[in-house]
Protein backbone atom coordinates (compact mmCIF):
# COMPACT_ATOMS: atom_id res chain seq x y z
CA MET A 1 -3.86 18.23 -5.70
CA LYS A 2 -1.27 15.79 -6.92
CA PHE A 3 -1.34 12.09 -6.00
CA ILE A 4 2.41 11.33 -6.20
CA LYS A 5 5.08 14.02 -5.82
CA ASP A 6 8.57 13.67 -7.25
CA LYS A 7 11.41 14.22 -4.81
CA GLU A 8 12.65 17.36 -6.59
CA GLU A 9 9.29 19.17 -6.64
CA GLU A 10 8.55 21.84 -4.07
CA ARG A 11 4.85 21.21 -3.33
CA ARG A 12 2.68 20.78 -0.29
CA ASP A 13 -0.50 19.40 -1.90
CA TYR A 14 0.36 15.75 -2.47
CA ILE A 15 -0.60 12.39 -0.96
CA PHE A 16 2.49 10.25 -1.56
CA GLN A 17 6.11 11.15 -2.26
CA LYS A 18 8.07 9.07 -4.73
CA ASP A 19 10.84 7.76 -2.48
CA LYS A 20 12.11 4.53 -0.91
CA LYS A 21 10.04 4.87 2.28
CA THR A 22 6.77 5.14 0.38
CA LYS A 23 7.58 2.13 -1.80
CA ILE A 24 8.46 -0.01 1.24
CA GLY A 25 5.30 1.10 3.05
CA ALA A 26 3.06 0.41 0.06
CA THR A 27 4.64 -3.02 -0.45
CA PHE A 28 4.16 -3.87 3.23
CA VAL A 29 0.52 -2.77 3.31
CA SER A 30 -0.24 -4.63 0.07
CA SER A 31 1.41 -7.79 1.38
CA VAL A 32 -0.55 -7.70 4.63
CA LEU A 33 -3.83 -7.17 2.77
CA ILE A 34 -3.12 -10.10 0.44
CA ILE A 35 -2.25 -12.35 3.40
CA LEU A 36 -5.48 -11.34 5.18
CA ILE A 37 -7.57 -12.03 2.07
CA ILE A 38 -5.96 -15.46 1.68
CA ALA A 39 -6.54 -16.21 5.38
CA VAL A 40 -10.23 -15.24 5.15
CA ALA A 41 -10.73 -17.29 1.99
CA THR A 42 -8.97 -20.32 3.52
CA THR A 43 -11.09 -20.07 6.66
CA TYR A 44 -14.26 -19.76 4.63
CA PHE A 45 -13.53 -22.85 2.51
CA THR A 46 -12.26 -24.87 5.49
CA LEU A 47 -15.30 -24.22 7.69
CA SER A 48 -17.89 -24.56 4.94
């Protein structure tokens, strides 16, 4: 099983494909997680 598949490879056993959609999706998910972590930390320090 391969983690990241190049666009030219003909495989079916991969998790992510190396293309623009995957990069945008990963950036979006990472950004949302960072914002949520900052929000939780800010709430914790504000209410403590």
